[in-house]
Each structure stands twice: as C-alpha cells, then as structure tokens.
C-alpha cells in the first residue's frame, strides 16, 4: 500500500509534461492541467482542449490500459452514447513504472442529481446503453478477473470481505438483515452466458450535458461475465420511479437484481468499514436504499 501511495503522489502535471514530450513530441506544446474528479484508479489530466492523459495510480490498475486500447474501439460502434476513444498508448518512462494512455476529451460533468433534468429519463437512457453493451459479441473478450477487480465474477469472491465488514461494523448496521440480503444474493447464481459488462457504473463515470446522460467513461473494469455488477447504480443514484424504469428497460430478472443488490451491499459495507467522510455519506445512503428496497420487496 505504501508503494502505491508513493506512486500516486508522484503523478503530477510536471510528470505528464515530461512523458508527453518524450514519447509524443507532436503534443509537447499543449498545456497540461489536472481534471477535477479525475478518478481513483487513474490520475487524469487535460492535454490541450481535445485530449486527456490517464495514468494508473497503482500496479493493479496498469493492465486496464491495454484492455481499453484494444476493446474500446471495437465496442464503441455498437453503443448509443459516446465512450472514450484511445489515441495513443504510452510506455513506462521518466520514473513512472506503468503504461499510460491518451484519450479524446468528452465534454460533460459527472452525474449528480442536481445536474440531471429527469432522473427517470436518465435511468432509461442508461439502461439502453447497458443493454446495447450486453448485446455486443463477447467472443474473445476479457473474462472477469483481477483486471476487472472481479466485477463480472461470482459474488462469492467477496464473501469473506463482506462478512468481515459486518463483524467490524457491529451495531452500526442492521447485521441480521444485511446478512439475509447477502445470503439471498449469493444464492441467486448466474446461469446465463457471459456478456459484456462495464464494471463500474458509478456517478463519476457517467457524464451529463444539458441535463441528459451524455457519455459513459472509464472502462478499466470492463470485461465479459455476469452483468449484475452494472445494476448497482439502482441503489447508489436511482430511486422510486427511476429505479423501476431502469430495471424494466434493462429487463433485469429476479436473480440478477438480487446479485446487483448484493454488489451494492458489499461496496457500502466495505466503504463504511474503512471510513472516509466523503465516501461514507454515499455508502450510508446506498446501504439505506438497499435495506429499504429489500423490505419493500418482501
């Protein structure tokens, strides 16, 4: 962990300028500035007005560079919204140990309720996007694994982490009910063929423009497997009519919905177990939504 933090702390505009100048001198004259809400897995910088530079913040995220370079150009023509366009792949250099990437800039702001004109329309647009992604031919696609942080893999991958978090949180969460939800999610096994999933359908990876969903970014956790991880947004952002519209449009069956609820529960619990004041508020909101929706469905 210490090495990862040290590497992330060394990623700054000066490093990006040196990397670009050394490997892509045709862009060396362009200004470099950090991007607000630039992400955790990668540090993101604006390169001129039309490009971004993304540098993995730790070794575990480095394989995502080659994956996005290969698969985004193949996925993009099948999708109803813009996704990142890789323009170049950089090599380790200037003391930075990982590959890195240059993408085309996409205008928009990260999704937030205050920026969304109609949450139900937003939910429907997102569901159409995910349905189109799932319909892309998965042949040869990267099977779920470490590169996707095990998104798309069986939910049981995180069983130990979830139960440990429940034990540590104690009476700060309704442990009995959370355990019941988690058990139901584990029992709802995936029986379908593997399909494409995004892997991190979170507000930070959904861009809004003029009140509408405008793009889906950061495919670092994408792969081929169980798509249940992509419905977590139903509890982290959506609610009421928007949640129902999302589920209906995406045609999510009971078992996939249960696993998605489990993914949302897992993330909320492990976030609360490692408190960050900013992230804890979102985790508590997601947990409350999971619990309320579970109670209403029974």
Protein backbone atom coordinates (compact mmCIF):
# COMPACT_ATOMS: atom_id res chain seq x y z
CA UNK A 1 0.00 0.00 0.00
CA UNK A 2 2.83 2.38 0.81
CA UNK A 3 4.39 1.92 -2.63
CA UNK A 4 1.03 2.53 -4.29
CA UNK A 5 0.52 5.78 -2.38
CA UNK A 6 4.06 6.88 -3.19
CA UNK A 7 3.49 6.30 -6.91
CA UNK A 8 0.15 8.09 -6.89
CA UNK A 9 1.70 11.05 -5.08
CA UNK A 10 4.37 11.38 -7.78
CA UNK A 11 1.80 11.76 -10.57
CA UNK A 12 1.55 15.46 -11.32
CA UNK A 13 1.44 17.87 -14.25
CA UNK A 14 5.24 18.02 -14.46
CA UNK A 15 5.46 14.25 -14.90
CA UNK A 16 2.74 14.28 -17.57
CA UNK A 17 4.54 17.04 -19.48
CA UNK A 18 7.78 15.06 -19.44
CA UNK A 19 6.08 11.85 -20.57
CA UNK A 20 4.22 13.56 -23.40
CA UNK A 21 7.31 15.47 -24.56
CA UNK A 22 9.46 12.33 -24.57
CA UNK A 23 7.00 9.97 -26.27
CA UNK A 24 4.59 12.18 -28.23
CA UNK A 25 6.56 15.33 -29.09
CA UNK A 26 3.85 16.46 -31.53
CA UNK A 27 1.74 17.27 -28.45
CA UNK A 28 4.53 18.68 -26.28
CA UNK A 29 3.37 22.28 -26.82
CA UNK A 30 -0.10 21.63 -25.42
CA UNK A 31 -0.96 22.75 -21.87
CA UNK A 32 -1.47 20.09 -19.19
CA UNK A 33 -3.81 20.54 -16.25
CA UNK A 34 -5.39 18.12 -13.77
CA UNK A 35 -9.02 17.13 -14.19
CA UNK A 36 -11.40 17.72 -11.30
CA UNK A 37 -12.92 14.40 -10.18
CA UNK A 38 -10.12 12.64 -12.06
CA UNK A 39 -10.79 9.24 -10.50
CA UNK A 40 -9.05 6.86 -8.12
CA UNK A 41 -7.76 4.02 -10.32
CA UNK A 42 -6.20 6.58 -12.65
CA UNK A 43 -5.00 10.15 -12.37
CA UNK A 44 -6.46 12.14 -15.26
CA UNK A 45 -5.12 15.30 -16.88
CA UNK A 46 -6.41 17.52 -19.68
CA UNK A 47 -3.99 17.72 -22.62
CA UNK A 48 -4.87 20.78 -24.64
CA UNK A 49 -8.58 21.14 -25.33
CA UNK A 50 -9.21 17.84 -27.10
CA UNK A 51 -7.40 15.10 -25.15
CA UNK A 52 -6.89 13.54 -21.74
CA UNK A 53 -3.91 11.69 -20.29
CA UNK A 54 -4.67 8.87 -17.87
CA UNK A 55 -2.04 7.30 -15.64
CA UNK A 56 -2.81 4.23 -13.47
CA UNK A 57 -2.29 5.08 -9.81
CA UNK A 58 -1.08 1.60 -8.82
CA UNK A 59 0.23 -1.62 -10.35
CA UNK A 60 -3.10 -3.41 -10.10
CA UNK A 61 -4.71 -0.90 -12.46
CA UNK A 62 -1.97 -1.00 -15.09
CA UNK A 63 -3.44 -3.90 -17.15
CA UNK A 64 -6.53 -1.77 -17.78
CA UNK A 65 -4.57 0.44 -20.19
CA UNK A 66 -4.00 -2.24 -22.83
CA UNK A 67 -7.54 -3.56 -22.34
CA UNK A 68 -9.12 -0.18 -23.08
CA UNK A 69 -6.78 0.39 -26.02
CA UNK A 70 -7.85 -2.90 -27.59
CA UNK A 71 -11.53 -3.11 -26.80
CA UNK A 72 -12.96 0.41 -26.71
CA UNK A 73 -12.62 0.91 -30.50
CA UNK A 74 -14.47 -2.38 -31.02
CA UNK A 75 -17.24 -1.63 -28.52
CA UNK A 76 -17.89 1.99 -29.47
CA UNK A 77 -19.70 1.43 -32.82
CA UNK A 78 -22.32 -0.72 -31.07
CA UNK A 79 -23.13 1.73 -28.27
CA UNK A 80 -25.74 4.53 -28.30
CA UNK A 81 -23.61 7.02 -26.33
CA UNK A 82 -20.02 8.22 -26.64
CA UNK A 83 -17.30 6.30 -24.82
CA UNK A 84 -13.59 7.14 -24.56
CA UNK A 85 -11.57 6.98 -27.77
CA UNK A 86 -7.95 5.83 -27.28
CA UNK A 87 -5.50 7.93 -29.28
CA UNK A 88 -2.14 6.65 -28.03
CA UNK A 89 -0.56 4.30 -25.51
CA UNK A 90 2.44 5.49 -23.54
CA UNK A 91 5.21 3.36 -22.05
CA UNK A 92 6.85 3.47 -18.61
CA UNK A 93 9.34 6.32 -18.51
CA UNK A 94 10.56 9.31 -16.51
CA UNK A 95 10.45 7.27 -13.29
CA UNK A 96 6.81 6.29 -13.84
CA UNK A 97 6.60 2.45 -13.92
CA UNK A 98 3.34 1.73 -15.77
CA UNK A 99 1.84 2.09 -19.25
CA UNK A 100 -0.47 5.06 -19.69
CA UNK A 101 -2.93 6.34 -22.23
CA UNK A 102 -4.12 9.34 -24.21
CA UNK A 103 -7.85 9.55 -24.95
CA UNK A 104 -10.05 12.02 -26.76
CA UNK A 105 -11.73 14.50 -24.41
CA UNK A 106 -15.51 14.15 -23.91
CA UNK A 107 -17.42 17.21 -22.74
CA UNK A 108 -19.71 16.79 -19.76
CA UNK A 109 -19.90 16.84 -15.97
CA UNK A 110 -20.12 13.83 -13.68
CA UNK A 111 -23.66 12.77 -12.88
CA UNK A 112 -25.27 14.36 -9.84
CA UNK A 113 -28.98 14.68 -9.05
CA UNK A 114 -28.73 18.46 -9.34
CA UNK A 115 -27.38 18.13 -12.90
CA UNK A 116 -29.97 15.64 -14.14
CA UNK A 117 -33.14 17.16 -15.56
CA UNK A 118 -35.25 13.99 -15.41
CA UNK A 119 -33.89 11.09 -13.38
CA UNK A 120 -36.28 8.57 -14.94
CA UNK A 121 -35.25 9.57 -18.47
CA UNK A 122 -31.63 9.34 -17.34
CA UNK A 123 -32.27 5.84 -15.98
CA UNK A 124 -33.89 4.72 -19.24
CA UNK A 125 -31.00 6.09 -21.32
CA UNK A 126 -28.50 4.31 -19.10
CA UNK A 127 -30.45 1.05 -19.33
CA UNK A 128 -30.49 1.28 -23.14
CA UNK A 129 -26.73 1.81 -23.10
CA UNK A 130 -26.12 -1.23 -20.86
CA UNK A 131 -28.48 -3.38 -22.93
CA UNK A 132 -26.51 -2.45 -26.06
CA UNK A 133 -23.24 -3.25 -24.29
CA UNK A 134 -24.54 -6.66 -23.22
CA UNK A 135 -25.61 -7.37 -26.79
CA UNK A 136 -22.09 -6.94 -28.22
CA UNK A 137 -20.49 -10.24 -29.26
CA UNK A 138 -18.43 -11.37 -26.23
CA UNK A 139 -16.19 -13.72 -28.23
CA UNK A 140 -12.58 -13.26 -27.18
CA UNK A 141 -13.45 -10.60 -24.60
CA UNK A 142 -11.52 -10.47 -21.31
CA UNK A 143 -13.05 -12.86 -18.80
CA UNK A 144 -13.75 -11.37 -15.38
CA UNK A 145 -10.72 -11.46 -13.11
CA UNK A 146 -8.18 -9.33 -11.29
CA UNK A 147 -8.12 -6.78 -14.15
CA UNK A 148 -11.83 -6.07 -13.51
CA UNK A 149 -11.48 -6.10 -9.71
CA UNK A 150 -13.53 -9.30 -10.03
CA UNK A 151 -16.56 -7.45 -11.34
CA UNK A 152 -18.40 -9.92 -13.53
CA UNK A 153 -17.13 -12.84 -11.43
CA UNK A 154 -19.21 -14.74 -8.86
CA UNK A 155 -20.30 -12.52 -5.99
CA UNK A 156 -18.85 -15.09 -3.58
CA UNK A 157 -15.43 -13.68 -4.46
CA UNK A 158 -16.14 -11.02 -1.83
CA UNK A 159 -17.91 -13.19 0.74
CA UNK A 160 -15.05 -13.05 3.27
CA UNK A 161 -14.68 -9.28 2.90
CA UNK A 162 -18.41 -8.72 3.33
CA UNK A 163 -18.74 -10.84 6.45
CA UNK A 164 -15.60 -9.31 7.96
CA UNK A 165 -17.02 -5.82 7.40
CA UNK A 166 -20.29 -6.83 9.04
CA UNK A 167 -18.42 -8.14 12.07
CA UNK A 168 -16.37 -4.97 12.40
CA UNK A 169 -19.29 -2.61 11.92
CA UNK A 170 -21.26 -4.30 14.70
CA UNK A 171 -24.38 -2.41 15.70
CA UNK A 172 -23.63 0.45 13.30
CA UNK A 173 -25.56 -1.55 10.69
CA UNK A 174 -28.51 -3.98 10.94
CA UNK A 175 -26.30 -7.06 10.66
CA UNK A 176 -29.05 -9.68 10.63
CA UNK A 177 -30.93 -8.05 7.78
CA UNK A 178 -27.75 -7.31 5.84
CA UNK A 179 -26.69 -10.95 6.21
CA UNK A 180 -30.07 -12.05 4.91
CA UNK A 181 -29.70 -9.82 1.85
CA UNK A 182 -26.15 -11.05 1.26
CA UNK A 183 -27.17 -14.72 1.55
CA UNK A 184 -30.01 -14.21 -0.91
CA UNK A 185 -27.58 -12.59 -3.35
CA UNK A 186 -25.14 -15.49 -3.07
CA UNK A 187 -27.95 -17.98 -3.66
CA UNK A 188 -29.05 -16.18 -6.85
CA UNK A 189 -26.34 -17.69 -9.03
CA UNK A 190 -25.64 -16.57 -12.59
CA UNK A 191 -26.79 -19.18 -15.10
CA UNK A 192 -26.65 -17.24 -18.35
CA UNK A 193 -23.92 -16.95 -20.96
CA UNK A 194 -21.17 -14.39 -20.30
CA UNK A 195 -21.87 -10.92 -21.64
CA UNK A 196 -20.02 -7.61 -21.72
CA UNK A 197 -20.21 -5.52 -18.56
CA UNK A 198 -18.81 -2.05 -17.76
CA UNK A 199 -17.82 -2.95 -14.20
CA UNK A 200 -18.03 0.49 -12.59
CA UNK A 201 -21.32 2.15 -13.44
CA UNK A 202 -20.94 4.93 -10.86
CA UNK A 203 -21.80 8.60 -10.93
CA UNK A 204 -18.17 9.54 -11.56
CA UNK A 205 -18.18 7.54 -14.78
CA UNK A 206 -21.44 8.92 -16.16
CA UNK A 207 -21.27 12.31 -17.85
CA UNK A 208 -24.21 14.70 -18.09
CA UNK A 209 -24.70 17.51 -20.58
CA UNK A 210 -27.80 19.71 -20.78
CA UNK A 211 -29.42 17.60 -18.10
CA UNK A 212 -29.16 14.33 -20.04
CA UNK A 213 -26.82 11.37 -19.95
CA UNK A 214 -24.14 12.29 -22.49
CA UNK A 215 -21.39 9.66 -22.21
CA UNK A 216 -20.12 6.67 -20.25
CA UNK A 217 -16.41 6.71 -19.40
CA UNK A 218 -13.72 4.66 -17.63
CA UNK A 219 -13.94 1.11 -18.95
CA UNK A 220 -10.97 -0.03 -16.86
CA UNK A 221 -13.07 -2.64 -15.04
CA UNK A 222 -14.91 -3.88 -18.13
CA UNK A 223 -14.94 -7.49 -19.20
CA UNK A 224 -17.09 -10.47 -20.07
CA UNK A 225 -19.08 -12.30 -17.41
CA UNK A 226 -22.06 -11.70 -15.11
CA UNK A 227 -23.59 -8.24 -15.71
CA UNK A 228 -25.13 -7.95 -12.22
CA UNK A 229 -22.40 -5.55 -11.08
CA UNK A 230 -23.72 -2.97 -13.55
CA UNK A 231 -27.08 -2.58 -11.80
CA UNK A 232 -25.56 -1.20 -8.57
CA UNK A 233 -26.47 2.30 -9.77
CA UNK A 234 -30.09 1.37 -8.96
CA UNK A 235 -29.28 1.90 -5.26
CA UNK A 236 -26.50 4.49 -5.39
CA UNK A 237 -28.30 7.07 -7.55
CA UNK A 238 -31.74 5.89 -8.65
CA UNK A 239 -34.86 5.51 -6.55
CA UNK A 240 -38.61 5.13 -6.92
CA UNK A 241 -39.84 5.55 -10.49
CA UNK A 242 -36.34 5.92 -11.92
CA UNK A 243 -35.21 2.65 -10.35
CA UNK A 244 -38.28 0.84 -11.64
CA UNK A 245 -37.81 2.27 -15.15
CA UNK A 246 -34.15 1.25 -15.15
CA UNK A 247 -34.98 -2.33 -14.17
CA UNK A 248 -37.84 -2.64 -16.65
CA UNK A 249 -35.90 -1.18 -19.58
CA UNK A 250 -32.86 -3.36 -18.92
CA UNK A 251 -35.14 -6.38 -18.32
CA UNK A 252 -33.31 -7.41 -15.16
CA UNK A 253 -34.54 -10.75 -13.83
CA UNK A 254 -35.01 -11.50 -10.13
CA UNK A 255 -31.72 -13.36 -9.72
CA UNK A 256 -29.64 -10.67 -11.42
CA UNK A 257 -31.40 -7.99 -9.38
CA UNK A 258 -30.60 -9.90 -6.18
CA UNK A 259 -26.92 -10.17 -7.13
CA UNK A 260 -26.82 -6.49 -8.05
CA UNK A 261 -28.28 -5.68 -4.65
CA UNK A 262 -25.53 -7.84 -3.17
CA UNK A 263 -22.84 -5.92 -5.07
CA UNK A 264 -24.28 -2.65 -3.75
CA UNK A 265 -24.37 -4.03 -0.21
CA UNK A 266 -20.76 -5.25 -0.40
CA UNK A 267 -19.45 -1.88 -1.59
CA UNK A 268 -21.42 0.04 1.02
CA UNK A 269 -20.21 -2.18 3.86
CA UNK A 270 -16.53 -2.19 2.97
CA UNK A 271 -16.63 1.59 2.49
CA UNK A 272 -18.22 2.12 5.89
CA UNK A 273 -15.65 -0.26 7.39
CA UNK A 274 -12.84 1.99 6.10
CA UNK A 275 -14.38 5.37 6.82
CA UNK A 276 -13.70 8.31 4.58
CA UNK A 277 -16.03 11.16 5.47
CA UNK A 278 -16.83 11.96 1.86
CA UNK A 279 -17.29 8.35 0.74
CA UNK A 280 -19.04 7.26 3.96
CA UNK A 281 -22.03 9.50 3.27
CA UNK A 282 -22.58 7.90 -0.13
CA UNK A 283 -22.09 4.43 1.33
CA UNK A 284 -24.62 5.07 4.09
CA UNK A 285 -27.12 6.35 1.51
CA UNK A 286 -26.63 3.24 -0.64
CA UNK A 287 -27.00 0.95 2.37
CA UNK A 288 -30.22 2.67 3.40
CA UNK A 289 -31.57 2.32 -0.14
CA UNK A 290 -30.65 -1.37 -0.26
CA UNK A 291 -32.35 -2.02 3.08
CA UNK A 292 -35.48 -0.03 2.19
CA UNK A 293 -35.86 -1.65 -1.24
CA UNK A 294 -35.32 -5.11 0.26
CA UNK A 295 -38.01 -4.51 2.89
CA UNK A 296 -40.46 -3.19 0.29
CA UNK A 297 -39.91 -6.20 -1.98
CA UNK A 298 -40.80 -8.79 0.64
